[in-house]
């Protein structure tokens, strides 16, 4: 893949759109104007980076000529010192440009529905599921996202058998999608009398929130059931049948919601969950079709894959997909997920860029 040729093509397209938007006649075609404006805005950032990259190369080449001439030793020394900084800056900018060249997934800008379920490990697995929820809740706060509970099943000794919540904000799914998979914890449970380290697990599924325009559901394909909400220790208990369970007959998908006191609100939330589950099934089919074409180290679809281990005795968190190990487990479990997610996104973008290069 010739990066410079691709960038020249994008710059030519950017200039073409700039000219088109400068024509007063464009305002008589609002749909075309809106479409071109979006494309212009998307290209602006990468074209400006490309222009900076060209300028840096020109300065570097000028300095090289000065160094080769060697007429003035002091100037040549200054040029050589400047080039070290400029080359580092150019190479960094080049990597940023490469990542920007990778097309975004259409779902990245969507909100996300996150499902956490306790796995192997009994009570400790449920407690760990609660730790994961708190980790994501704090991370969402740091990103300025809104967190809304959809459904939960509390465990008798703390934590959750299952908890489902929605995150609303900018680029939520684009960041959270890398969290899908099996998370494993290694630590000494409070109930362990002999101080032995136990291994427990919880699964995380992240779904892009589907709008009604994304997925059409025939009302005749639905079965509704109202029931009385309940929870461990008497929490989330209602005296009316406000909780809702919905079954999608063709697919067999079942969702429920009991977090609201209003049956109508629970029904609305349950429908949101159902749409997202059906939408995810459609996406899974598309991803399976292109799986052979796009082999990425960073899997975002296999929920059964063990993706991360949280080792408390060593204060270590390891993401197995990219062999990333950090020794700031306390910070990560408290919501400082930025470094982990950024590393996963970068690797994913590089994998996709390499795939693009192979296909050109």
Protein backbone atom coordinates (compact mmCIF):
# COMPACT_ATOMS: atom_id res chain seq x y z
CA UNK A 1 0.00 0.00 0.00
CA UNK A 2 1.55 3.29 -1.13
CA UNK A 3 0.70 5.61 1.77
CA UNK A 4 1.85 8.80 0.04
CA UNK A 5 -0.14 8.02 -3.11
CA UNK A 6 -3.24 7.38 -1.01
CA UNK A 7 -2.74 10.69 0.83
CA UNK A 8 -2.31 12.58 -2.43
CA UNK A 9 -5.60 11.13 -3.63
CA UNK A 10 -7.32 12.20 -0.40
CA UNK A 11 -5.89 15.70 -0.70
CA UNK A 12 -7.15 15.97 -4.29
CA UNK A 13 -10.60 14.83 -3.15
CA UNK A 14 -10.52 17.32 -0.25
CA UNK A 15 -9.71 20.17 -2.63
CA UNK A 16 -12.46 19.01 -5.00
CA UNK A 17 -15.02 19.08 -2.16
CA UNK A 18 -13.76 22.47 -0.96
CA UNK A 19 -14.43 23.88 -4.44
CA UNK A 20 -17.88 22.27 -4.57
CA UNK A 21 -18.84 23.71 -1.17
CA UNK A 22 -17.75 27.14 -2.33
CA UNK A 23 -20.31 27.08 -5.14
CA UNK A 24 -23.54 28.90 -4.04
CA UNK A 25 -25.58 26.41 -6.08
CA UNK A 26 -24.79 23.68 -3.54
CA UNK A 27 -27.22 25.26 -1.06
CA UNK A 28 -30.07 24.35 -3.38
CA UNK A 29 -29.20 20.66 -2.78
CA UNK A 30 -29.35 20.27 1.01
CA UNK A 31 -28.81 16.49 1.03
CA UNK A 32 -25.71 16.72 -1.17
CA UNK A 33 -24.45 19.69 0.86
CA UNK A 34 -24.78 17.72 4.10
CA UNK A 35 -23.05 14.68 2.60
CA UNK A 36 -20.13 16.72 1.21
CA UNK A 37 -19.79 18.67 4.47
CA UNK A 38 -19.40 15.45 6.45
CA UNK A 39 -16.80 14.12 4.02
CA UNK A 40 -14.97 17.46 4.06
CA UNK A 41 -14.87 17.43 7.86
CA UNK A 42 -13.62 13.82 7.93
CA UNK A 43 -10.82 14.53 5.43
CA UNK A 44 -9.73 17.87 6.89
CA UNK A 45 -7.78 16.41 9.81
CA UNK A 46 -5.87 13.83 7.77
CA UNK A 47 -5.08 16.29 4.95
CA UNK A 48 -3.68 18.80 7.46
CA UNK A 49 -1.52 16.03 8.95
CA UNK A 50 -0.31 15.09 5.47
CA UNK A 51 0.63 18.71 4.72
CA UNK A 52 2.59 18.86 7.98
CA UNK A 53 4.30 15.59 7.03
CA UNK A 54 5.29 17.04 3.62
CA UNK A 55 6.71 20.19 5.25
CA UNK A 56 8.71 18.12 7.75
CA UNK A 57 10.18 16.04 4.92
CA UNK A 58 11.12 19.16 2.97
CA UNK A 59 12.93 20.62 5.99
CA UNK A 60 14.69 17.32 6.71
CA UNK A 61 15.88 17.07 3.08
CA UNK A 62 17.09 20.68 3.12
CA UNK A 63 19.07 19.98 6.28
CA UNK A 64 20.55 16.85 4.70
CA UNK A 65 21.82 18.91 1.78
CA UNK A 66 23.36 21.40 4.18
CA UNK A 67 25.05 18.59 6.11
CA UNK A 68 26.41 16.98 2.92
CA UNK A 69 27.82 20.27 1.63
CA UNK A 70 29.75 20.71 4.89
CA UNK A 71 30.86 24.24 4.01
CA UNK A 72 30.09 25.54 7.49
CA UNK A 73 30.70 23.04 10.28
CA UNK A 74 28.61 24.93 12.84
CA UNK A 75 25.56 25.14 10.56
CA UNK A 76 25.91 21.48 9.60
CA UNK A 77 26.02 20.51 13.27
CA UNK A 78 22.89 22.54 13.98
CA UNK A 79 21.12 20.99 10.98
CA UNK A 80 22.04 17.49 12.15
CA UNK A 81 20.73 18.17 15.65
CA UNK A 82 17.49 19.61 14.23
CA UNK A 83 17.02 16.62 11.95
CA UNK A 84 17.09 14.20 14.87
CA UNK A 85 14.07 15.97 16.38
CA UNK A 86 12.31 16.42 13.03
CA UNK A 87 12.73 12.78 11.99
CA UNK A 88 11.29 11.61 15.31
CA UNK A 89 8.37 14.01 14.91
CA UNK A 90 7.80 12.95 11.28
CA UNK A 91 7.85 9.23 12.11
CA UNK A 92 5.37 9.70 14.94
CA UNK A 93 3.08 11.74 12.68
CA UNK A 94 3.37 9.05 9.99
CA UNK A 95 2.14 6.39 12.42
CA UNK A 96 -0.79 8.61 13.42
CA UNK A 97 -1.67 9.13 9.75
CA UNK A 98 -1.58 5.39 9.07
CA UNK A 99 -4.07 4.77 11.85
CA UNK A 100 -6.35 7.54 10.56
CA UNK A 101 -6.33 5.92 7.13
CA UNK A 102 -8.09 2.85 8.54
CA UNK A 103 -11.86 3.22 8.06
CA UNK A 104 -13.87 3.22 11.27
CA UNK A 105 -16.37 0.48 11.93
CA UNK A 106 -19.89 1.85 11.49
CA UNK A 107 -20.82 0.65 14.99
CA UNK A 108 -17.99 2.47 16.80
CA UNK A 109 -20.00 5.64 17.37
CA UNK A 110 -22.92 3.77 18.93
CA UNK A 111 -23.77 3.49 22.60
CA UNK A 112 -23.14 0.10 24.20
CA UNK A 113 -25.00 -2.44 26.28
CA UNK A 114 -22.68 -4.35 28.59
CA UNK A 115 -23.51 -7.72 30.14
CA UNK A 116 -21.36 -9.13 32.95
CA UNK A 117 -21.99 -12.68 34.19
CA UNK A 118 -20.26 -14.59 36.98
CA UNK A 119 -18.50 -17.69 35.69
CA UNK A 120 -16.47 -20.39 37.42
CA UNK A 121 -15.56 -19.69 41.02
CA UNK A 122 -18.83 -19.57 42.97
CA UNK A 123 -19.20 -16.62 45.36
CA UNK A 124 -15.80 -15.22 44.39
CA UNK A 125 -16.82 -15.12 40.71
CA UNK A 126 -19.92 -13.08 41.61
CA UNK A 127 -17.81 -10.67 43.69
CA UNK A 128 -15.39 -10.34 40.76
CA UNK A 129 -18.33 -9.58 38.43
CA UNK A 130 -19.17 -6.73 40.81
CA UNK A 131 -15.55 -5.53 40.69
CA UNK A 132 -15.69 -5.49 36.88
CA UNK A 133 -18.92 -3.50 36.95
CA UNK A 134 -17.36 -0.92 39.28
CA UNK A 135 -14.28 -0.77 37.05
CA UNK A 136 -16.41 0.01 34.00
CA UNK A 137 -18.61 2.43 35.96
CA UNK A 138 -15.59 4.48 37.00
CA UNK A 139 -14.06 4.30 33.53
CA UNK A 140 -17.35 5.56 32.10
CA UNK A 141 -17.30 8.47 34.56
CA UNK A 142 -13.78 9.41 33.46
CA UNK A 143 -14.94 9.38 29.81
CA UNK A 144 -18.01 11.49 30.57
CA UNK A 145 -20.41 8.67 29.65
CA UNK A 146 -23.81 8.09 31.22
CA UNK A 147 -24.34 4.73 32.94
CA UNK A 148 -27.85 3.27 33.18
CA UNK A 149 -28.70 -0.03 34.85
CA UNK A 150 -30.97 -2.31 32.81
CA UNK A 151 -31.12 -5.52 34.81
CA UNK A 152 -29.27 -7.34 37.58
CA UNK A 153 -29.29 -10.46 39.71
CA UNK A 154 -27.49 -9.95 42.99
CA UNK A 155 -25.56 -12.79 44.60
CA UNK A 156 -26.20 -13.87 48.18
CA UNK A 157 -22.65 -13.08 49.40
CA UNK A 158 -22.01 -9.91 47.39
CA UNK A 159 -21.49 -9.01 43.77
CA UNK A 160 -23.70 -10.13 40.92
CA UNK A 161 -24.68 -13.33 39.20
CA UNK A 162 -25.49 -11.06 36.26
CA UNK A 163 -25.61 -7.31 35.66
CA UNK A 164 -26.60 -5.52 32.46
CA UNK A 165 -26.16 -1.79 31.89
CA UNK A 166 -26.13 0.76 29.10
CA UNK A 167 -23.36 3.30 28.46
CA UNK A 168 -24.28 6.44 26.53
CA UNK A 169 -21.72 8.85 25.14
CA UNK A 170 -19.15 9.53 22.43
CA UNK A 171 -17.43 6.53 20.80
CA UNK A 172 -18.62 4.18 23.54
CA UNK A 173 -18.78 0.96 21.52
CA UNK A 174 -15.57 1.88 19.67
CA UNK A 175 -13.71 1.64 22.99
CA UNK A 176 -15.75 -0.85 24.99
CA UNK A 177 -15.98 -3.53 22.27
CA UNK A 178 -12.51 -4.79 23.19
CA UNK A 179 -13.82 -5.85 26.62
CA UNK A 180 -15.89 -8.77 25.26
CA UNK A 181 -14.58 -12.09 26.47
CA UNK A 182 -13.65 -14.00 29.61
CA UNK A 183 -11.92 -12.06 32.39
CA UNK A 184 -10.01 -14.10 34.97
CA UNK A 185 -9.02 -13.09 38.51
CA UNK A 186 -6.34 -14.64 40.71
CA UNK A 187 -6.46 -13.67 44.38
CA UNK A 188 -7.08 -14.90 47.94
CA UNK A 189 -10.83 -14.74 48.63
CA UNK A 190 -12.03 -13.35 51.96
CA UNK A 191 -13.49 -16.77 52.74
CA UNK A 192 -10.15 -18.55 52.24
CA UNK A 193 -8.80 -19.45 55.70
CA UNK A 194 -5.43 -20.83 54.58
CA UNK A 195 -4.41 -17.94 52.30
CA UNK A 196 -4.51 -19.91 49.06
CA UNK A 197 -4.85 -18.07 45.76
CA UNK A 198 -8.03 -18.99 43.87
CA UNK A 199 -8.81 -18.46 40.19
CA UNK A 200 -12.30 -17.27 39.23
CA UNK A 201 -13.81 -15.88 36.07
CA UNK A 202 -16.56 -13.66 34.71
CA UNK A 203 -17.68 -13.14 31.13
CA UNK A 204 -18.29 -9.76 29.54
CA UNK A 205 -20.36 -9.17 26.42
CA UNK A 206 -20.48 -5.72 24.82
CA UNK A 207 -23.23 -5.05 22.28
CA UNK A 208 -23.70 -1.96 20.11
CA UNK A 209 -27.01 -0.37 21.05
CA UNK A 210 -29.38 -0.77 18.12
CA UNK A 211 -31.90 1.88 17.13
CA UNK A 212 -35.27 1.01 15.63
CA UNK A 213 -33.88 1.92 12.20
CA UNK A 214 -31.09 -0.66 12.63
CA UNK A 215 -33.34 -3.63 13.28
CA UNK A 216 -37.02 -4.14 12.53
CA UNK A 217 -39.05 -6.32 14.91
CA UNK A 218 -42.50 -7.62 14.06
CA UNK A 219 -44.70 -7.16 17.17
CA UNK A 220 -46.42 -10.47 16.38
CA UNK A 221 -43.06 -12.21 16.93
CA UNK A 222 -42.96 -11.17 20.59
CA UNK A 223 -44.21 -12.78 23.79
CA UNK A 224 -44.52 -10.48 26.82
CA UNK A 225 -44.62 -11.57 30.45
CA UNK A 226 -44.98 -9.34 33.51
CA UNK A 227 -43.68 -10.58 36.86
CA UNK A 228 -42.82 -9.30 40.31
CA UNK A 229 -39.25 -8.03 40.58
CA UNK A 230 -37.00 -9.56 43.20
CA UNK A 231 -33.45 -9.42 44.48
CA UNK A 232 -31.05 -10.77 47.06
CA UNK A 233 -31.65 -9.62 50.62
CA UNK A 234 -34.99 -8.05 49.77
CA UNK A 235 -33.50 -5.40 47.50
CA UNK A 236 -35.17 -4.36 44.23
CA UNK A 237 -38.39 -5.98 45.42
CA UNK A 238 -41.69 -4.64 44.15
CA UNK A 239 -45.22 -5.48 45.24
CA UNK A 240 -46.59 -5.08 41.71
CA UNK A 241 -45.89 -6.97 38.48
CA UNK A 242 -43.64 -4.23 37.10
CA UNK A 243 -40.79 -6.44 35.86
CA UNK A 244 -40.93 -7.48 32.20
CA UNK A 245 -39.67 -10.48 30.26
CA UNK A 246 -39.77 -10.51 26.44
CA UNK A 247 -39.20 -13.51 24.19
CA UNK A 248 -38.46 -13.12 20.48
CA UNK A 249 -40.11 -16.22 19.05
CA UNK A 250 -38.15 -16.64 15.76
CA UNK A 251 -34.71 -16.40 17.41
CA UNK A 252 -35.54 -17.66 20.91
CA UNK A 253 -33.77 -14.64 22.45
CA UNK A 254 -35.17 -13.74 25.89
CA UNK A 255 -34.54 -10.47 27.75
CA UNK A 256 -35.86 -9.12 31.04
CA UNK A 257 -35.76 -5.87 32.97
CA UNK A 258 -36.80 -5.09 36.54
CA UNK A 259 -34.84 -1.98 37.45
CA UNK A 260 -37.71 0.50 37.05
CA UNK A 261 -40.87 0.63 39.16
CA UNK A 262 -42.87 1.31 36.02
CA UNK A 263 -43.75 -1.66 33.81
CA UNK A 264 -43.75 0.65 30.78
CA UNK A 265 -40.19 1.84 31.46
CA UNK A 266 -39.02 -1.72 32.04
CA UNK A 267 -40.63 -2.72 28.76
CA UNK A 268 -38.86 0.10 26.90
CA UNK A 269 -35.50 -0.93 28.35
CA UNK A 270 -36.14 -4.60 27.58
CA UNK A 271 -36.95 -3.72 23.97
CA UNK A 272 -33.66 -1.80 23.74
CA UNK A 273 -31.82 -4.88 24.97
CA UNK A 274 -33.70 -7.15 22.55
CA UNK A 275 -32.97 -4.92 19.53
CA UNK A 276 -29.29 -4.84 20.46
CA UNK A 277 -29.08 -8.62 20.85
CA UNK A 278 -30.71 -9.22 17.47
CA UNK A 279 -28.52 -6.55 15.89
CA UNK A 280 -25.43 -8.20 17.36
CA UNK A 281 -26.48 -11.52 15.82
CA UNK A 282 -26.63 -9.86 12.41
CA UNK A 283 -23.21 -8.30 12.97
CA UNK A 284 -21.80 -11.66 14.08
CA UNK A 285 -22.82 -13.15 10.73
CA UNK A 286 -21.07 -10.33 8.87
CA UNK A 287 -17.96 -10.66 11.03
CA UNK A 288 -17.87 -14.42 10.42
CA UNK A 289 -18.03 -13.82 6.67
CA UNK A 290 -15.03 -11.52 6.74
CA UNK A 291 -13.09 -13.42 9.43
CA UNK A 292 -10.90 -15.16 6.88
CA UNK A 293 -10.15 -11.88 5.16
CA UNK A 294 -9.33 -10.02 8.34
CA UNK A 295 -7.14 -11.92 10.77
CA UNK A 296 -6.60 -9.65 13.75
CA UNK A 297 -4.81 -10.40 17.00
CA UNK A 298 -7.49 -8.37 18.75
CA UNK A 299 -10.67 -10.44 18.73
CA UNK A 300 -13.85 -8.49 19.44
CA UNK A 301 -16.38 -11.21 18.79
CA UNK A 302 -15.49 -14.43 20.60
CA UNK A 303 -17.04 -14.27 24.07
CA UNK A 304 -15.50 -17.60 25.08
CA UNK A 305 -11.93 -16.35 24.58
CA UNK A 306 -9.89 -15.68 27.72
CA UNK A 307 -8.77 -12.12 27.16
CA UNK A 308 -7.39 -10.78 30.45
CA UNK A 309 -6.04 -11.89 33.82
CA UNK A 310 -6.07 -9.76 36.98
CA UNK A 311 -3.40 -11.16 39.34
CA UNK A 312 -3.75 -9.49 42.75
CA UNK A 313 -0.77 -11.10 44.58
CA UNK A 314 1.59 -9.62 41.96
CA UNK A 315 -0.44 -6.46 41.28
CA UNK A 316 -0.40 -7.44 37.62
CA UNK A 317 -2.94 -7.21 34.80
CA UNK A 318 -2.22 -9.06 31.55
CA UNK A 319 -4.12 -8.77 28.29
CA UNK A 320 -3.41 -12.03 26.48
CA UNK A 321 -4.39 -10.81 23.00
CA UNK A 322 -1.50 -8.40 22.65
CA UNK A 323 0.81 -9.76 25.40
CA UNK A 324 0.41 -6.51 27.35
CA UNK A 325 1.38 -6.69 31.03
CA UNK A 326 0.99 -3.76 33.40
CA UNK A 327 1.85 -3.62 37.09
CA UNK A 328 -0.79 -1.08 38.09
CA UNK A 329 -3.66 -3.45 38.85
CA UNK A 330 -5.02 -1.25 41.65
CA UNK A 331 -5.38 1.66 39.23
CA UNK A 332 -6.92 -0.50 36.48
CA UNK A 333 -9.50 -2.10 38.76
CA UNK A 334 -10.44 1.38 39.95
CA UNK A 335 -11.28 2.41 36.39
CA UNK A 336 -7.98 3.53 34.84
CA UNK A 337 -8.52 1.47 31.70
CA UNK A 338 -7.29 4.06 29.21
CA UNK A 339 -3.81 2.61 28.66
CA UNK A 340 -5.17 -0.91 28.11
CA UNK A 341 -7.92 0.11 25.71
CA UNK A 342 -5.64 2.50 23.80
CA UNK A 343 -3.11 -0.31 23.29
CA UNK A 344 -5.85 -2.64 22.03
CA UNK A 345 -7.25 -0.02 19.63
CA UNK A 346 -3.79 0.76 18.28
CA UNK A 347 -3.03 -2.92 17.64
CA UNK A 348 -6.41 -3.42 16.00
CA UNK A 349 -5.84 -0.44 13.71
CA UNK A 350 -2.36 -1.67 12.79
CA UNK A 351 -3.71 -5.16 12.03
CA UNK A 352 -6.36 -3.67 9.77
CA UNK A 353 -3.84 -1.39 8.09
CA UNK A 354 -1.57 -4.36 7.37
CA UNK A 355 -4.55 -6.23 5.95
CA UNK A 356 -5.32 -3.26 3.70
CA UNK A 357 -1.70 -3.25 2.53
CA UNK A 358 -1.87 -6.96 1.68
CA UNK A 359 -5.04 -6.43 -0.37
CA UNK A 360 -3.62 -3.59 -2.51
